[in-house]
């Protein structure tokens, strides 16, 4: 018998929220993809990658090399899958690179049959493989809204909510909460009129999360009281 629609939906960011210290393989995959497709040797140095969508990072990398918006738009459709392939070919075992309390929390949420989805700037295959390599965390999530699917993180959250409703995973009036570590996560929640739990497990400077006024701020997910979601 299928699960009844849930009264809750939890949306999770990946980097800095579920996992951290996962190495340079993600950035190097973006750099390698640009090299393969354009021949350019680029860098992510000086680009504020935290909280950004992968296509936006790639856009800034190309713009720094003098690419016009038209050339960027023409190159990205080939660069995105090349970046995914580069990551899949190089990422090692990331077991143990999860943020504090994450496996235990996801296990508890699964036991409560609360549907979980991803809202992340990672490209689709990068995001899934990163979680797979981090102790199999991918198995807890029904689906995800990934960096290439919408132009903003708020748009990604909207896609995830719409899919959960379309698939009948959540009841009308279900409480929806986005959990993330960056100001962009907080803004995405606010744009969609849903709750936000911000965690300090990423690299967001002290005070920046508070300035965004999330509903709750936690040091890490070991401190998440399920009564607030």
C-alpha atoms as a PDB file:
ATOM      1  CA  UNK A   1       0.000   0.000   0.000  1.00  0.00           C
ATOM      2  CA  UNK A   2       1.482   3.397  -0.915  1.00  0.00           C
ATOM      3  CA  UNK A   3       2.220   5.907   1.811  1.00  0.00           C
ATOM      4  CA  UNK A   4      -0.481   8.420   2.571  1.00  0.00           C
ATOM      5  CA  UNK A   5       0.420  12.017   1.661  1.00  0.00           C
ATOM      6  CA  UNK A   6       2.718  13.431   4.304  1.00  0.00           C
ATOM      7  CA  UNK A   7       2.087  16.501   6.417  1.00  0.00           C
ATOM      8  CA  UNK A   8       5.765  17.401   5.985  1.00  0.00           C
ATOM      9  CA  UNK A   9       8.340  17.847   3.226  1.00  0.00           C
ATOM     10  CA  UNK A  10      12.013  18.514   3.908  1.00  0.00           C
ATOM     11  CA  UNK A  11      14.277  20.032   1.271  1.00  0.00           C
ATOM     12  CA  UNK A  12      18.033  19.770   1.808  1.00  0.00           C
ATOM     13  CA  UNK A  13      20.980  21.604   0.341  1.00  0.00           C
ATOM     14  CA  UNK A  14      24.071  19.390  -0.147  1.00  0.00           C
ATOM     15  CA  UNK A  15      27.393  21.192   0.324  1.00  0.00           C
ATOM     16  CA  UNK A  16      27.891  22.539   3.828  1.00  0.00           C
ATOM     17  CA  UNK A  17      24.557  21.080   4.932  1.00  0.00           C
ATOM     18  CA  UNK A  18      24.727  17.339   4.306  1.00  0.00           C
ATOM     19  CA  UNK A  19      28.426  17.024   3.433  1.00  0.00           C
ATOM     20  CA  UNK A  20      31.613  19.036   3.886  1.00  0.00           C
ATOM     21  CA  UNK A  21      35.337  18.782   3.235  1.00  0.00           C
ATOM     22  CA  UNK A  22      34.643  16.703   0.155  1.00  0.00           C
ATOM     23  CA  UNK A  23      37.796  17.851  -1.634  1.00  0.00           C
ATOM     24  CA  UNK A  24      38.513  19.765  -4.819  1.00  0.00           C
ATOM     25  CA  UNK A  25      37.085  17.197  -7.246  1.00  0.00           C
ATOM     26  CA  UNK A  26      33.939  19.207  -7.881  1.00  0.00           C
ATOM     27  CA  UNK A  27      35.795  22.391  -8.746  1.00  0.00           C
ATOM     28  CA  UNK A  28      38.340  20.494 -10.800  1.00  0.00           C
ATOM     29  CA  UNK A  29      35.529  18.859 -12.772  1.00  0.00           C
ATOM     30  CA  UNK A  30      34.211  22.287 -13.751  1.00  0.00           C
ATOM     31  CA  UNK A  31      37.691  23.415 -14.771  1.00  0.00           C
ATOM     32  CA  UNK A  32      38.297  20.235 -16.775  1.00  0.00           C
ATOM     33  CA  UNK A  33      34.967  20.529 -18.568  1.00  0.00           C
ATOM     34  CA  UNK A  34      35.740  24.069 -19.688  1.00  0.00           C
ATOM     35  CA  UNK A  35      39.160  22.916 -20.918  1.00  0.00           C
ATOM     36  CA  UNK A  36      37.679  20.012 -22.857  1.00  0.00           C
ATOM     37  CA  UNK A  37      35.002  22.069 -24.590  1.00  0.00           C
ATOM     38  CA  UNK A  38      36.706  25.430 -25.098  1.00  0.00           C
ATOM     39  CA  UNK A  39      40.417  24.738 -24.750  1.00  0.00           C
ATOM     40  CA  UNK A  40      40.678  27.374 -22.027  1.00  0.00           C
ATOM     41  CA  UNK A  41      42.557  26.829 -18.778  1.00  0.00           C
ATOM     42  CA  UNK A  42      40.290  28.543 -16.250  1.00  0.00           C
ATOM     43  CA  UNK A  43      40.044  28.734 -12.481  1.00  0.00           C
ATOM     44  CA  UNK A  44      37.481  29.152  -9.751  1.00  0.00           C
ATOM     45  CA  UNK A  45      39.863  31.370  -7.793  1.00  0.00           C
ATOM     46  CA  UNK A  46      38.174  34.629  -6.856  1.00  0.00           C
ATOM     47  CA  UNK A  47      34.705  33.291  -7.670  1.00  0.00           C
ATOM     48  CA  UNK A  48      32.330  33.191  -4.672  1.00  0.00           C
ATOM     49  CA  UNK A  49      31.216  29.604  -5.271  1.00  0.00           C
ATOM     50  CA  UNK A  50      29.530  29.095  -1.898  1.00  0.00           C
ATOM     51  CA  UNK A  51      25.774  28.893  -2.339  1.00  0.00           C
ATOM     52  CA  UNK A  52      25.967  29.319  -6.108  1.00  0.00           C
ATOM     53  CA  UNK A  53      24.559  27.154  -8.882  1.00  0.00           C
ATOM     54  CA  UNK A  54      27.124  25.279 -10.976  1.00  0.00           C
ATOM     55  CA  UNK A  55      26.000  26.936 -14.247  1.00  0.00           C
ATOM     56  CA  UNK A  56      26.506  30.356 -12.638  1.00  0.00           C
ATOM     57  CA  UNK A  57      30.000  29.382 -11.498  1.00  0.00           C
ATOM     58  CA  UNK A  58      30.843  28.232 -15.018  1.00  0.00           C
ATOM     59  CA  UNK A  59      29.403  31.447 -16.441  1.00  0.00           C
ATOM     60  CA  UNK A  60      31.695  33.533 -14.230  1.00  0.00           C
ATOM     61  CA  UNK A  61      34.683  31.361 -15.147  1.00  0.00           C
ATOM     62  CA  UNK A  62      34.047  31.931 -18.835  1.00  0.00           C
ATOM     63  CA  UNK A  63      33.262  35.610 -18.438  1.00  0.00           C
ATOM     64  CA  UNK A  64      36.610  36.083 -16.691  1.00  0.00           C
ATOM     65  CA  UNK A  65      38.223  34.763 -19.880  1.00  0.00           C
ATOM     66  CA  UNK A  66      36.421  37.316 -22.029  1.00  0.00           C
ATOM     67  CA  UNK A  67      33.515  35.190 -23.266  1.00  0.00           C
ATOM     68  CA  UNK A  68      30.429  37.149 -24.259  1.00  0.00           C
ATOM     69  CA  UNK A  69      27.019  36.093 -22.992  1.00  0.00           C
ATOM     70  CA  UNK A  70      26.268  34.649 -26.440  1.00  0.00           C
ATOM     71  CA  UNK A  71      29.418  32.501 -26.444  1.00  0.00           C
ATOM     72  CA  UNK A  72      28.695  31.351 -22.896  1.00  0.00           C
ATOM     73  CA  UNK A  73      25.150  30.350 -23.839  1.00  0.00           C
ATOM     74  CA  UNK A  74      26.492  28.412 -26.817  1.00  0.00           C
ATOM     75  CA  UNK A  75      29.178  26.598 -24.803  1.00  0.00           C
ATOM     76  CA  UNK A  76      27.285  25.650 -21.623  1.00  0.00           C
ATOM     77  CA  UNK A  77      25.116  22.867 -23.121  1.00  0.00           C
ATOM     78  CA  UNK A  78      28.300  20.906 -23.856  1.00  0.00           C
ATOM     79  CA  UNK A  79      30.189  21.962 -20.718  1.00  0.00           C
ATOM     80  CA  UNK A  80      27.550  20.824 -18.228  1.00  0.00           C
ATOM     81  CA  UNK A  81      27.547  17.109 -19.142  1.00  0.00           C
ATOM     82  CA  UNK A  82      31.332  17.197 -19.541  1.00  0.00           C
ATOM     83  CA  UNK A  83      31.612  18.462 -15.958  1.00  0.00           C
ATOM     84  CA  UNK A  84      29.395  15.647 -14.732  1.00  0.00           C
ATOM     85  CA  UNK A  85      31.480  13.056 -16.579  1.00  0.00           C
ATOM     86  CA  UNK A  86      34.706  14.516 -15.199  1.00  0.00           C
ATOM     87  CA  UNK A  87      33.388  14.353 -11.655  1.00  0.00           C
ATOM     88  CA  UNK A  88      32.090  10.804 -11.986  1.00  0.00           C
ATOM     89  CA  UNK A  89      35.470   9.708 -13.332  1.00  0.00           C
ATOM     90  CA  UNK A  90      37.555  11.234 -10.540  1.00  0.00           C
ATOM     91  CA  UNK A  91      35.649  11.517  -7.241  1.00  0.00           C
ATOM     92  CA  UNK A  92      37.003   9.080  -4.627  1.00  0.00           C
ATOM     93  CA  UNK A  93      35.302   7.469  -1.660  1.00  0.00           C
ATOM     94  CA  UNK A  94      33.974  10.271   0.568  1.00  0.00           C
ATOM     95  CA  UNK A  95      32.823   8.121   3.472  1.00  0.00           C
ATOM     96  CA  UNK A  96      32.880  10.105   6.689  1.00  0.00           C
ATOM     97  CA  UNK A  97      32.598  13.475   4.962  1.00  0.00           C
ATOM     98  CA  UNK A  98      29.031  14.055   6.106  1.00  0.00           C
ATOM     99  CA  UNK A  99      28.148  16.901   8.452  1.00  0.00           C
ATOM    100  CA  UNK A 100      27.516  16.077  12.132  1.00  0.00           C
ATOM    101  CA  UNK A 101      24.334  14.138  12.795  1.00  0.00           C
ATOM    102  CA  UNK A 102      23.329  13.727   9.152  1.00  0.00           C
ATOM    103  CA  UNK A 103      23.105   9.907   8.848  1.00  0.00           C
ATOM    104  CA  UNK A 104      21.228   9.639  12.111  1.00  0.00           C
ATOM    105  CA  UNK A 105      18.797  12.413  11.179  1.00  0.00           C
ATOM    106  CA  UNK A 106      18.073  10.990   7.733  1.00  0.00           C
ATOM    107  CA  UNK A 107      17.517   7.549   9.213  1.00  0.00           C
ATOM    108  CA  UNK A 108      15.015   8.978  11.714  1.00  0.00           C
ATOM    109  CA  UNK A 109      13.191  10.943   9.019  1.00  0.00           C
ATOM    110  CA  UNK A 110      12.992   7.833   6.862  1.00  0.00           C
ATOM    111  CA  UNK A 111      11.512   5.898   9.773  1.00  0.00           C
ATOM    112  CA  UNK A 112       8.876   8.618  10.128  1.00  0.00           C
ATOM    113  CA  UNK A 113       8.130   8.398   6.388  1.00  0.00           C
ATOM    114  CA  UNK A 114       8.766  12.083   5.840  1.00  0.00           C
ATOM    115  CA  UNK A 115       9.599  12.664   2.163  1.00  0.00           C
ATOM    116  CA  UNK A 116      13.006  14.218   1.547  1.00  0.00           C
ATOM    117  CA  UNK A 117      14.250  16.001  -1.557  1.00  0.00           C
ATOM    118  CA  UNK A 118      17.362  17.898  -2.591  1.00  0.00           C
ATOM    119  CA  UNK A 119      17.593  21.558  -3.567  1.00  0.00           C
ATOM    120  CA  UNK A 120      21.171  22.149  -4.637  1.00  0.00           C
ATOM    121  CA  UNK A 121      23.385  24.101  -6.981  1.00  0.00           C
ATOM    122  CA  UNK A 122      25.184  20.869  -7.935  1.00  0.00           C
ATOM    123  CA  UNK A 123      24.588  19.506 -11.396  1.00  0.00           C
ATOM    124  CA  UNK A 124      22.365  16.429 -11.273  1.00  0.00           C
ATOM    125  CA  UNK A 125      24.900  13.643 -11.672  1.00  0.00           C
ATOM    126  CA  UNK A 126      27.472  15.444  -9.507  1.00  0.00           C
ATOM    127  CA  UNK A 127      24.996  15.832  -6.663  1.00  0.00           C
ATOM    128  CA  UNK A 128      23.804  12.240  -6.732  1.00  0.00           C
ATOM    129  CA  UNK A 129      27.316  10.800  -6.985  1.00  0.00           C
ATOM    130  CA  UNK A 130      28.628  13.025  -4.193  1.00  0.00           C
ATOM    131  CA  UNK A 131      25.966  11.699  -1.828  1.00  0.00           C
ATOM    132  CA  UNK A 132      26.436   8.135  -3.045  1.00  0.00           C
ATOM    133  CA  UNK A 133      30.149   8.328  -2.287  1.00  0.00           C
ATOM    134  CA  UNK A 134      29.465   9.858   1.132  1.00  0.00           C
ATOM    135  CA  UNK A 135      28.287   6.642   2.717  1.00  0.00           C
ATOM    136  CA  UNK A 136      25.263   6.139   0.471  1.00  0.00           C
ATOM    137  CA  UNK A 137      23.321   9.199   1.604  1.00  0.00           C
ATOM    138  CA  UNK A 138      21.631   9.396  -1.798  1.00  0.00           C
ATOM    139  CA  UNK A 139      19.244   6.576  -0.866  1.00  0.00           C
ATOM    140  CA  UNK A 140      17.285   8.757   1.564  1.00  0.00           C
ATOM    141  CA  UNK A 141      16.075  11.224  -1.096  1.00  0.00           C
ATOM    142  CA  UNK A 142      13.057  10.792  -3.370  1.00  0.00           C
ATOM    143  CA  UNK A 143      14.305  13.267  -5.993  1.00  0.00           C
ATOM    144  CA  UNK A 144      16.189  16.504  -6.374  1.00  0.00           C
ATOM    145  CA  UNK A 145      16.098  19.913  -7.993  1.00  0.00           C
ATOM    146  CA  UNK A 146      19.605  20.520  -9.331  1.00  0.00           C
ATOM    147  CA  UNK A 147      21.645  23.447 -10.563  1.00  0.00           C
ATOM    148  CA  UNK A 148      20.848  23.182 -14.258  1.00  0.00           C
ATOM    149  CA  UNK A 149      17.082  22.936 -13.732  1.00  0.00           C
ATOM    150  CA  UNK A 150      16.290  26.594 -12.896  1.00  0.00           C
ATOM    151  CA  UNK A 151      18.130  29.923 -12.991  1.00  0.00           C
ATOM    152  CA  UNK A 152      17.880  30.550  -9.232  1.00  0.00           C
ATOM    153  CA  UNK A 153      17.862  28.552  -6.014  1.00  0.00           C
ATOM    154  CA  UNK A 154      14.375  29.870  -5.306  1.00  0.00           C
ATOM    155  CA  UNK A 155      13.307  28.452  -8.649  1.00  0.00           C
ATOM    156  CA  UNK A 156      14.824  25.098  -7.720  1.00  0.00           C
ATOM    157  CA  UNK A 157      12.896  25.022  -4.446  1.00  0.00           C
ATOM    158  CA  UNK A 158       9.726  25.809  -6.366  1.00  0.00           C
ATOM    159  CA  UNK A 159      10.352  22.895  -8.728  1.00  0.00           C
ATOM    160  CA  UNK A 160      10.857  20.520  -5.794  1.00  0.00           C
ATOM    161  CA  UNK A 161       7.657  21.646  -4.100  1.00  0.00           C
ATOM    162  CA  UNK A 162       5.666  21.349  -7.318  1.00  0.00           C
ATOM    163  CA  UNK A 163       6.982  17.832  -7.941  1.00  0.00           C
ATOM    164  CA  UNK A 164       6.142  16.695  -4.412  1.00  0.00           C
ATOM    165  CA  UNK A 165       2.607  17.959  -4.867  1.00  0.00           C
ATOM    166  CA  UNK A 166       2.254  16.505  -8.355  1.00  0.00           C
ATOM    167  CA  UNK A 167       3.384  13.073  -7.151  1.00  0.00           C
ATOM    168  CA  UNK A 168       0.995  13.196  -4.205  1.00  0.00           C
ATOM    169  CA  UNK A 169       3.785  12.953  -1.646  1.00  0.00           C
ATOM    170  CA  UNK A 170       2.417  15.731   0.532  1.00  0.00           C
ATOM    171  CA  UNK A 171      -1.015  16.683   1.725  1.00  0.00           C
ATOM    172  CA  UNK A 172      -2.600  20.074   1.068  1.00  0.00           C
ATOM    173  CA  UNK A 173      -1.292  22.449   3.686  1.00  0.00           C
ATOM    174  CA  UNK A 174       1.763  20.293   4.424  1.00  0.00           C
ATOM    175  CA  UNK A 175       4.575  22.087   6.260  1.00  0.00           C
ATOM    176  CA  UNK A 176       7.572  22.474   3.979  1.00  0.00           C
ATOM    177  CA  UNK A 177      11.033  23.259   5.342  1.00  0.00           C
ATOM    178  CA  UNK A 178      14.276  23.972   3.514  1.00  0.00           C
ATOM    179  CA  UNK A 179      17.505  23.181   5.380  1.00  0.00           C
ATOM    180  CA  UNK A 180      20.690  24.879   4.212  1.00  0.00           C
ATOM    181  CA  UNK A 181      23.881  26.598   5.248  1.00  0.00           C
ATOM    182  CA  UNK A 182      24.013  29.669   2.998  1.00  0.00           C
ATOM    183  CA  UNK A 183      22.074  32.931   2.722  1.00  0.00           C
ATOM    184  CA  UNK A 184      20.885  31.767  -0.711  1.00  0.00           C
ATOM    185  CA  UNK A 185      19.111  28.856   0.965  1.00  0.00           C
ATOM    186  CA  UNK A 186      17.335  31.192   3.357  1.00  0.00           C
ATOM    187  CA  UNK A 187      16.255  33.492   0.544  1.00  0.00           C
ATOM    188  CA  UNK A 188      15.024  30.530  -1.524  1.00  0.00           C
ATOM    189  CA  UNK A 189      12.789  29.458   1.345  1.00  0.00           C
ATOM    190  CA  UNK A 190      11.491  32.971   1.886  1.00  0.00           C
ATOM    191  CA  UNK A 191      10.733  33.426  -1.814  1.00  0.00           C
ATOM    192  CA  UNK A 192       8.541  30.318  -1.683  1.00  0.00           C
ATOM    193  CA  UNK A 193       6.824  31.100   1.614  1.00  0.00           C
ATOM    194  CA  UNK A 194       8.219  28.015   3.353  1.00  0.00           C
ATOM    195  CA  UNK A 195      10.142  27.561   6.591  1.00  0.00           C
ATOM    196  CA  UNK A 196      13.929  27.607   6.722  1.00  0.00           C
ATOM    197  CA  UNK A 197      16.405  25.990   9.080  1.00  0.00           C
ATOM    198  CA  UNK A 198      19.920  27.405   8.671  1.00  0.00           C
ATOM    199  CA  UNK A 199      22.935  25.456   9.890  1.00  0.00           C
ATOM    200  CA  UNK A 200      26.407  26.764  10.650  1.00  0.00           C
ATOM    201  CA  UNK A 201      28.210  23.755   9.194  1.00  0.00           C
ATOM    202  CA  UNK A 202      29.197  25.544   5.994  1.00  0.00           C
ATOM    203  CA  UNK A 203      31.557  28.450   5.386  1.00  0.00           C
ATOM    204  CA  UNK A 204      29.079  31.312   5.716  1.00  0.00           C
ATOM    205  CA  UNK A 205      30.724  34.052   7.813  1.00  0.00           C
ATOM    206  CA  UNK A 206      29.442  34.564  11.336  1.00  0.00           C
ATOM    207  CA  UNK A 207      26.426  36.851  11.385  1.00  0.00           C
ATOM    208  CA  UNK A 208      25.466  36.434   7.728  1.00  0.00           C
ATOM    209  CA  UNK A 209      22.874  33.747   8.447  1.00  0.00           C
ATOM    210  CA  UNK A 210      21.362  35.769  11.267  1.00  0.00           C
ATOM    211  CA  UNK A 211      21.114  38.779   8.967  1.00  0.00           C
ATOM    212  CA  UNK A 212      18.879  36.761   6.607  1.00  0.00           C
ATOM    213  CA  UNK A 213      16.389  36.000   9.395  1.00  0.00           C
ATOM    214  CA  UNK A 214      15.823  32.251   8.935  1.00  0.00           C
ATOM    215  CA  UNK A 215      13.177  30.658  11.111  1.00  0.00           C
ATOM    216  CA  UNK A 216      15.804  28.684  13.038  1.00  0.00           C
ATOM    217  CA  UNK A 217      19.609  28.668  13.224  1.00  0.00           C
ATOM    218  CA  UNK A 218      21.480  25.604  14.468  1.00  0.00           C
ATOM    219  CA  UNK A 219      25.156  24.873  15.005  1.00  0.00           C
ATOM    220  CA  UNK A 220      24.639  21.530  13.252  1.00  0.00           C
ATOM    221  CA  UNK A 221      21.956  18.965  12.536  1.00  0.00           C
ATOM    222  CA  UNK A 222      22.573  17.028  15.733  1.00  0.00           C
ATOM    223  CA  UNK A 223      20.605  19.890  17.319  1.00  0.00           C
ATOM    224  CA  UNK A 224      17.566  19.698  15.047  1.00  0.00           C
ATOM    225  CA  UNK A 225      14.415  19.191  17.119  1.00  0.00           C
ATOM    226  CA  UNK A 226      11.971  17.449  14.790  1.00  0.00           C
ATOM    227  CA  UNK A 227       9.133  19.284  16.528  1.00  0.00           C
ATOM    228  CA  UNK A 228      10.079  22.461  14.629  1.00  0.00           C
ATOM    229  CA  UNK A 229       9.757  21.048  11.128  1.00  0.00           C
END
